Amino acid sequence: VGWRGEPGVHDEPQHIYQGEVTVKLLEDMGI
């Protein structure tokens, strides 16, 4: 999974929230 919008790394607005929850979503799915 490419981590766009990683917290602390400048990115476009559409990636900001997705970047914040990227790892959490995977872990919530048991991955």
ModelCIF file with pLDDT and N, C-alpha, C, O atoms, coordinates in Angstrom:
data_MODEL
#
_entry.id   MODEL 
#
_entity.id                         1 
_entity.type                       polymer 
_entity.pdbx_number_of_molecules   1 
#
_entity_poly.entity_id                      1 
_entity_poly.type                           'polypeptide(L)' 
_entity_poly.nstd_linkage                   no 
_entity_poly.nstd_monomer                   no 
_entity_poly.pdbx_seq_one_letter_code       VGWRGEPGVHDEPQHIYQGEVTVKLLEDMGI 
_entity_poly.pdbx_seq_one_letter_code_can   VGWRGEPGVHDEPQHIYQGEVTVKLLEDMGI 
_entity_poly.pdbx_strand_id                 A 
#
loop_
_entity_poly_seq.entity_id 
_entity_poly_seq.num 
_entity_poly_seq.mon_id 
_entity_poly_seq.hetero 
1 1  VAL n 
1 2  GLY n 
1 3  TRP n 
1 4  ARG n 
1 5  GLY n 
1 6  GLU n 
1 7  PRO n 
1 8  GLY n 
1 9  VAL n 
1 10 HIS n 
1 11 ASP n 
1 12 GLU n 
1 13 PRO n 
1 14 GLN n 
1 15 HIS n 
1 16 ILE n 
1 17 TYR n 
1 18 GLN n 
1 19 GLY n 
1 20 GLU n 
1 21 VAL n 
1 22 THR n 
1 23 VAL n 
1 24 LYS n 
1 25 LEU n 
1 26 LEU n 
1 27 GLU n 
1 28 ASP n 
1 29 MET n 
1 30 GLY n 
1 31 ILE n 
#
_struct_asym.id          A 
_struct_asym.entity_id   1 
#
loop_
_ma_qa_metric.id 
_ma_qa_metric.mode 
_ma_qa_metric.name 
_ma_qa_metric.software_group_id 
_ma_qa_metric.type 
1 global pLDDT . pLDDT 
2 local  pLDDT . pLDDT 
#
_ma_qa_metric_global.metric_id      1 
_ma_qa_metric_global.metric_value   90.81 
_ma_qa_metric_global.model_id       1 
_ma_qa_metric_global.ordinal_id     1 
#
loop_
_ma_qa_metric_local.label_asym_id 
_ma_qa_metric_local.label_comp_id 
_ma_qa_metric_local.label_seq_id 
_ma_qa_metric_local.metric_id 
_ma_qa_metric_local.metric_value 
_ma_qa_metric_local.model_id 
_ma_qa_metric_local.ordinal_id 
A VAL 1  2 98.00 1 1  
A GLY 2  2 97.00 1 2  
A TRP 3  2 96.00 1 3  
A ARG 4  2 93.00 1 4  
A GLY 5  2 91.00 1 5  
A GLU 6  2 92.00 1 6  
A PRO 7  2 90.00 1 7  
A GLY 8  2 88.00 1 8  
A VAL 9  2 88.00 1 9  
A HIS 10 2 81.00 1 10 
A ASP 11 2 78.00 1 11 
A GLU 12 2 79.00 1 12 
A PRO 13 2 75.00 1 13 
A GLN 14 2 81.00 1 14 
A HIS 15 2 81.00 1 15 
A ILE 16 2 86.00 1 16 
A TYR 17 2 88.00 1 17 
A GLN 18 2 90.00 1 18 
A GLY 19 2 91.00 1 19 
A GLU 20 2 94.00 1 20 
A VAL 21 2 95.00 1 21 
A THR 22 2 96.00 1 22 
A VAL 23 2 96.00 1 23 
A LYS 24 2 96.00 1 24 
A LEU 25 2 96.00 1 25 
A LEU 26 2 97.00 1 26 
A GLU 27 2 96.00 1 27 
A ASP 28 2 96.00 1 28 
A MET 29 2 96.00 1 29 
A GLY 30 2 96.00 1 30 
A ILE 31 2 98.00 1 31 
#
loop_
_atom_site.group_PDB 
_atom_site.id 
_atom_site.type_symbol 
_atom_site.label_atom_id 
_atom_site.label_alt_id 
_atom_site.label_comp_id 
_atom_site.label_asym_id 
_atom_site.label_entity_id 
_atom_site.label_seq_id 
_atom_site.pdbx_PDB_ins_code 
_atom_site.Cartn_x 
_atom_site.Cartn_y 
_atom_site.Cartn_z 
_atom_site.occupancy 
_atom_site.B_iso_or_equiv 
_atom_site.pdbx_formal_charge 
_atom_site.auth_seq_id 
_atom_site.auth_comp_id 
_atom_site.auth_asym_id 
_atom_site.auth_atom_id 
_atom_site.pdbx_PDB_model_num 
ATOM 1   N N  . VAL A 1 1  ? 0.834   -1.206 0.000  1.00 98.00 ? 1  VAL A N  1 
ATOM 2   C CA . VAL A 1 1  ? 0.000   0.000  0.000  1.00 98.00 ? 1  VAL A CA 1 
ATOM 3   C C  . VAL A 1 1  ? 0.869   1.257  0.000  1.00 98.00 ? 1  VAL A C  1 
ATOM 4   O O  . VAL A 1 1  ? 1.667   1.461  0.915  1.00 98.00 ? 1  VAL A O  1 
ATOM 5   N N  . GLY A 1 2  ? 0.717   2.095  -1.019 1.00 97.00 ? 2  GLY A N  1 
ATOM 6   C CA . GLY A 1 2  ? 1.414   3.371  -1.060 1.00 97.00 ? 2  GLY A CA 1 
ATOM 7   C C  . GLY A 1 2  ? 0.787   4.344  -0.077 1.00 97.00 ? 2  GLY A C  1 
ATOM 8   O O  . GLY A 1 2  ? -0.425  4.559  -0.095 1.00 97.00 ? 2  GLY A O  1 
ATOM 9   N N  . TRP A 1 3  ? 1.614   4.932  0.783  1.00 96.00 ? 3  TRP A N  1 
ATOM 10  C CA . TRP A 1 3  ? 1.108   5.781  1.868  1.00 96.00 ? 3  TRP A CA 1 
ATOM 11  C C  . TRP A 1 3  ? 1.103   7.241  1.443  1.00 96.00 ? 3  TRP A C  1 
ATOM 12  O O  . TRP A 1 3  ? 2.040   7.982  1.743  1.00 96.00 ? 3  TRP A O  1 
ATOM 13  N N  . ARG A 1 4  ? 0.047   7.657  0.743  1.00 93.00 ? 4  ARG A N  1 
ATOM 14  C CA . ARG A 1 4  ? -0.156  9.068  0.451  1.00 93.00 ? 4  ARG A CA 1 
ATOM 15  C C  . ARG A 1 4  ? -0.754  9.741  1.679  1.00 93.00 ? 4  ARG A C  1 
ATOM 16  O O  . ARG A 1 4  ? -1.556  9.145  2.399  1.00 93.00 ? 4  ARG A O  1 
ATOM 17  N N  . GLY A 1 5  ? -0.354  10.991 1.910  1.00 91.00 ? 5  GLY A N  1 
ATOM 18  C CA . GLY A 1 5  ? -0.907  11.722 3.049  1.00 91.00 ? 5  GLY A CA 1 
ATOM 19  C C  . GLY A 1 5  ? -0.388  11.260 4.395  1.00 91.00 ? 5  GLY A C  1 
ATOM 20  O O  . GLY A 1 5  ? -1.055  11.447 5.413  1.00 91.00 ? 5  GLY A O  1 
ATOM 21  N N  . GLU A 1 6  ? 0.789   10.660 4.417  1.00 92.00 ? 6  GLU A N  1 
ATOM 22  C CA . GLU A 1 6  ? 1.366   10.254 5.695  1.00 92.00 ? 6  GLU A CA 1 
ATOM 23  C C  . GLU A 1 6  ? 1.463   11.463 6.617  1.00 92.00 ? 6  GLU A C  1 
ATOM 24  O O  . GLU A 1 6  ? 1.953   12.512 6.199  1.00 92.00 ? 6  GLU A O  1 
ATOM 25  N N  . PRO A 1 7  ? 1.010   11.340 7.854  1.00 90.00 ? 7  PRO A N  1 
ATOM 26  C CA . PRO A 1 7  ? 1.097   12.463 8.785  1.00 90.00 ? 7  PRO A CA 1 
ATOM 27  C C  . PRO A 1 7  ? 2.516   13.025 8.867  1.00 90.00 ? 7  PRO A C  1 
ATOM 28  O O  . PRO A 1 7  ? 3.484   12.280 9.024  1.00 90.00 ? 7  PRO A O  1 
ATOM 29  N N  . GLY A 1 8  ? 2.622   14.346 8.760  1.00 88.00 ? 8  GLY A N  1 
ATOM 30  C CA . GLY A 1 8  ? 3.923   14.997 8.810  1.00 88.00 ? 8  GLY A CA 1 
ATOM 31  C C  . GLY A 1 8  ? 4.600   15.155 7.474  1.00 88.00 ? 8  GLY A C  1 
ATOM 32  O O  . GLY A 1 8  ? 5.638   15.811 7.381  1.00 88.00 ? 8  GLY A O  1 
ATOM 33  N N  . VAL A 1 9  ? 4.031   14.559 6.422  1.00 88.00 ? 9  VAL A N  1 
ATOM 34  C CA . VAL A 1 9  ? 4.592   14.670 5.073  1.00 88.00 ? 9  VAL A CA 1 
ATOM 35  C C  . VAL A 1 9  ? 3.608   15.456 4.219  1.00 88.00 ? 9  VAL A C  1 
ATOM 36  O O  . VAL A 1 9  ? 2.442   15.075 4.113  1.00 88.00 ? 9  VAL A O  1 
ATOM 37  N N  . HIS A 1 10 ? 4.060   16.548 3.608  1.00 81.00 ? 10 HIS A N  1 
ATOM 38  C CA . HIS A 1 10 ? 3.162   17.397 2.816  1.00 81.00 ? 10 HIS A CA 1 
ATOM 39  C C  . HIS A 1 10 ? 2.534   16.608 1.670  1.00 81.00 ? 10 HIS A C  1 
ATOM 40  O O  . HIS A 1 10 ? 3.219   15.868 0.964  1.00 81.00 ? 10 HIS A O  1 
ATOM 41  N N  . ASP A 1 11 ? 1.232   16.774 1.496  1.00 78.00 ? 11 ASP A N  1 
ATOM 42  C CA . ASP A 1 11 ? 0.525   16.095 0.414  1.00 78.00 ? 11 ASP A CA 1 
ATOM 43  C C  . ASP A 1 11 ? -0.716  16.902 0.067  1.00 78.00 ? 11 ASP A C  1 
ATOM 44  O O  . ASP A 1 11 ? -0.990  17.934 0.680  1.00 78.00 ? 11 ASP A O  1 
ATOM 45  N N  . GLU A 1 12 ? -1.458  16.424 -0.918 1.00 79.00 ? 12 GLU A N  1 
ATOM 46  C CA . GLU A 1 12 ? -2.664  17.107 -1.366 1.00 79.00 ? 12 GLU A CA 1 
ATOM 47  C C  . GLU A 1 12 ? -3.820  16.874 -0.391 1.00 79.00 ? 12 GLU A C  1 
ATOM 48  O O  . GLU A 1 12 ? -3.821  15.880 0.336  1.00 79.00 ? 12 GLU A O  1 
ATOM 49  N N  . PRO A 1 13 ? -4.816  17.789 -0.367 1.00 75.00 ? 13 PRO A N  1 
ATOM 50  C CA . PRO A 1 13 ? -5.879  17.716 0.646  1.00 75.00 ? 13 PRO A CA 1 
ATOM 51  C C  . PRO A 1 13 ? -6.683  16.428 0.627  1.00 75.00 ? 13 PRO A C  1 
ATOM 52  O O  . PRO A 1 13 ? -7.136  15.966 1.674  1.00 75.00 ? 13 PRO A O  1 
ATOM 53  N N  . GLN A 1 14 ? -6.868  15.836 -0.565 1.00 81.00 ? 14 GLN A N  1 
ATOM 54  C CA . GLN A 1 14 ? -7.656  14.610 -0.636 1.00 81.00 ? 14 GLN A CA 1 
ATOM 55  C C  . GLN A 1 14 ? -6.953  13.426 0.019  1.00 81.00 ? 14 GLN A C  1 
ATOM 56  O O  . GLN A 1 14 ? -7.573  12.392 0.267  1.00 81.00 ? 14 GLN A O  1 
ATOM 57  N N  . HIS A 1 15 ? -5.652  13.576 0.299  1.00 81.00 ? 15 HIS A N  1 
ATOM 58  C CA . HIS A 1 15 ? -4.898  12.472 0.895  1.00 81.00 ? 15 HIS A CA 1 
ATOM 59  C C  . HIS A 1 15 ? -4.731  12.605 2.415  1.00 81.00 ? 15 HIS A C  1 
ATOM 60  O O  . HIS A 1 15 ? -4.310  11.657 3.079  1.00 81.00 ? 15 HIS A O  1 
ATOM 61  N N  . ILE A 1 16 ? -5.057  13.765 2.956  1.00 86.00 ? 16 ILE A N  1 
ATOM 62  C CA . ILE A 1 16 ? -4.710  14.027 4.355  1.00 86.00 ? 16 ILE A CA 1 
ATOM 63  C C  . ILE A 1 16 ? -5.408  13.067 5.314  1.00 86.00 ? 16 ILE A C  1 
ATOM 64  O O  . ILE A 1 16 ? -4.744  12.394 6.102  1.00 86.00 ? 16 ILE A O  1 
ATOM 65  N N  . TYR A 1 17 ? -6.747  12.994 5.257  1.00 88.00 ? 17 TYR A N  1 
ATOM 66  C CA . TYR A 1 17 ? -7.451  12.124 6.197  1.00 88.00 ? 17 TYR A CA 1 
ATOM 67  C C  . TYR A 1 17 ? -7.180  10.656 5.895  1.00 88.00 ? 17 TYR A C  1 
ATOM 68  O O  . TYR A 1 17 ? -7.005  9.847  6.806  1.00 88.00 ? 17 TYR A O  1 
ATOM 69  N N  . GLN A 1 18 ? -7.145  10.317 4.601  1.00 90.00 ? 18 GLN A N  1 
ATOM 70  C CA . GLN A 1 18 ? -6.837  8.935  4.229  1.00 90.00 ? 18 GLN A CA 1 
ATOM 71  C C  . GLN A 1 18 ? -5.479  8.517  4.775  1.00 90.00 ? 18 GLN A C  1 
ATOM 72  O O  . GLN A 1 18 ? -5.304  7.385  5.226  1.00 90.00 ? 18 GLN A O  1 
ATOM 73  N N  . GLY A 1 19 ? -4.522  9.435  4.733  1.00 91.00 ? 19 GLY A N  1 
ATOM 74  C CA . GLY A 1 19 ? -3.201  9.141  5.281  1.00 91.00 ? 19 GLY A CA 1 
ATOM 75  C C  . GLY A 1 19 ? -3.226  8.900  6.770  1.00 91.00 ? 19 GLY A C  1 
ATOM 76  O O  . GLY A 1 19 ? -2.498  8.051  7.285  1.00 91.00 ? 19 GLY A O  1 
ATOM 77  N N  . GLU A 1 20 ? -4.074  9.656  7.471  1.00 94.00 ? 20 GLU A N  1 
ATOM 78  C CA . GLU A 1 20 ? -4.165  9.504  8.925  1.00 94.00 ? 20 GLU A CA 1 
ATOM 79  C C  . GLU A 1 20 ? -4.701  8.136  9.329  1.00 94.00 ? 20 GLU A C  1 
ATOM 80  O O  . GLU A 1 20 ? -4.281  7.584  10.346 1.00 94.00 ? 20 GLU A O  1 
ATOM 81  N N  . VAL A 1 21 ? -5.620  7.585  8.548  1.00 95.00 ? 21 VAL A N  1 
ATOM 82  C CA . VAL A 1 21 ? -6.288  6.334  8.948  1.00 95.00 ? 21 VAL A CA 1 
ATOM 83  C C  . VAL A 1 21 ? -5.758  5.110  8.213  1.00 95.00 ? 21 VAL A C  1 
ATOM 84  O O  . VAL A 1 21 ? -6.285  4.012  8.393  1.00 95.00 ? 21 VAL A O  1 
ATOM 85  N N  . THR A 1 22 ? -4.724  5.277  7.387  1.00 96.00 ? 22 THR A N  1 
ATOM 86  C CA . THR A 1 22 ? -4.231  4.177  6.547  1.00 96.00 ? 22 THR A CA 1 
ATOM 87  C C  . THR A 1 22 ? -3.884  2.928  7.355  1.00 96.00 ? 22 THR A C  1 
ATOM 88  O O  . THR A 1 22 ? -4.404  1.847  7.081  1.00 96.00 ? 22 THR A O  1 
ATOM 89  N N  . VAL A 1 23 ? -3.026  3.071  8.327  1.00 96.00 ? 23 VAL A N  1 
ATOM 90  C CA . VAL A 1 23 ? -2.589  1.910  9.108  1.00 96.00 ? 23 VAL A CA 1 
ATOM 91  C C  . VAL A 1 23 ? -3.730  1.394  9.983  1.00 96.00 ? 23 VAL A C  1 
ATOM 92  O O  . VAL A 1 23 ? -3.899  0.184  10.132 1.00 96.00 ? 23 VAL A O  1 
ATOM 93  N N  . LYS A 1 24 ? -4.502  2.296  10.554 1.00 96.00 ? 24 LYS A N  1 
ATOM 94  C CA . LYS A 1 24 ? -5.613  1.897  11.430 1.00 96.00 ? 24 LYS A CA 1 
ATOM 95  C C  . LYS A 1 24 ? -6.637  1.053  10.678 1.00 96.00 ? 24 LYS A C  1 
ATOM 96  O O  . LYS A 1 24 ? -7.128  0.054  11.204 1.00 96.00 ? 24 LYS A O  1 
ATOM 97  N N  . LEU A 1 25 ? -6.960  1.452  9.445  1.00 96.00 ? 25 LEU A N  1 
ATOM 98  C CA . LEU A 1 25 ? -7.925  0.683  8.656  1.00 96.00 ? 25 LEU A CA 1 
ATOM 99  C C  . LEU A 1 25 ? -7.430  -0.741 8.424  1.00 96.00 ? 25 LEU A C  1 
ATOM 100 O O  . LEU A 1 25 ? -8.193  -1.698 8.558  1.00 96.00 ? 25 LEU A O  1 
ATOM 101 N N  . LEU A 1 26 ? -6.168  -0.877 8.080  1.00 97.00 ? 26 LEU A N  1 
ATOM 102 C CA . LEU A 1 26 ? -5.608  -2.210 7.856  1.00 97.00 ? 26 LEU A CA 1 
ATOM 103 C C  . LEU A 1 26 ? -5.659  -3.046 9.133  1.00 97.00 ? 26 LEU A C  1 
ATOM 104 O O  . LEU A 1 26 ? -6.052  -4.213 9.116  1.00 97.00 ? 26 LEU A O  1 
ATOM 105 N N  . GLU A 1 27 ? -5.258  -2.429 10.227 1.00 96.00 ? 27 GLU A N  1 
ATOM 106 C CA . GLU A 1 27 ? -5.254  -3.164 11.497 1.00 96.00 ? 27 GLU A CA 1 
ATOM 107 C C  . GLU A 1 27 ? -6.673  -3.503 11.948 1.00 96.00 ? 27 GLU A C  1 
ATOM 108 O O  . GLU A 1 27 ? -6.902  -4.572 12.514 1.00 96.00 ? 27 GLU A O  1 
ATOM 109 N N  . ASP A 1 28 ? -7.627  -2.602 11.703 1.00 96.00 ? 28 ASP A N  1 
ATOM 110 C CA . ASP A 1 28 ? -9.025  -2.884 12.043 1.00 96.00 ? 28 ASP A CA 1 
ATOM 111 C C  . ASP A 1 28 ? -9.574  -4.059 11.251 1.00 96.00 ? 28 ASP A C  1 
ATOM 112 O O  . ASP A 1 28 ? -10.491 -4.745 11.701 1.00 96.00 ? 28 ASP A O  1 
ATOM 113 N N  . MET A 1 29 ? -9.005  -4.293 10.055 1.00 96.00 ? 29 MET A N  1 
ATOM 114 C CA . MET A 1 29 ? -9.419  -5.430 9.237  1.00 96.00 ? 29 MET A CA 1 
ATOM 115 C C  . MET A 1 29 ? -8.631  -6.692 9.590  1.00 96.00 ? 29 MET A C  1 
ATOM 116 O O  . MET A 1 29 ? -8.756  -7.718 8.921  1.00 96.00 ? 29 MET A O  1 
ATOM 117 N N  . GLY A 1 30 ? -7.823  -6.607 10.644 1.00 96.00 ? 30 GLY A N  1 
ATOM 118 C CA . GLY A 1 30 ? -7.060  -7.777 11.072 1.00 96.00 ? 30 GLY A CA 1 
ATOM 119 C C  . GLY A 1 30 ? -5.853  -8.059 10.214 1.00 96.00 ? 30 GLY A C  1 
ATOM 120 O O  . GLY A 1 30 ? -5.372  -9.192 10.180 1.00 96.00 ? 30 GLY A O  1 
ATOM 121 N N  . ILE A 1 31 ? -5.342  -7.037 9.508  1.00 98.00 ? 31 ILE A N  1 
ATOM 122 C CA . ILE A 1 31 ? -4.196  -7.206 8.621  1.00 98.00 ? 31 ILE A CA 1 
ATOM 123 C C  . ILE A 1 31 ? -2.939  -6.701 9.326  1.00 98.00 ? 31 ILE A C  1 
ATOM 124 O O  . ILE A 1 31 ? -1.849  -6.749 8.755  1.00 98.00 ? 31 ILE A O  1 
#
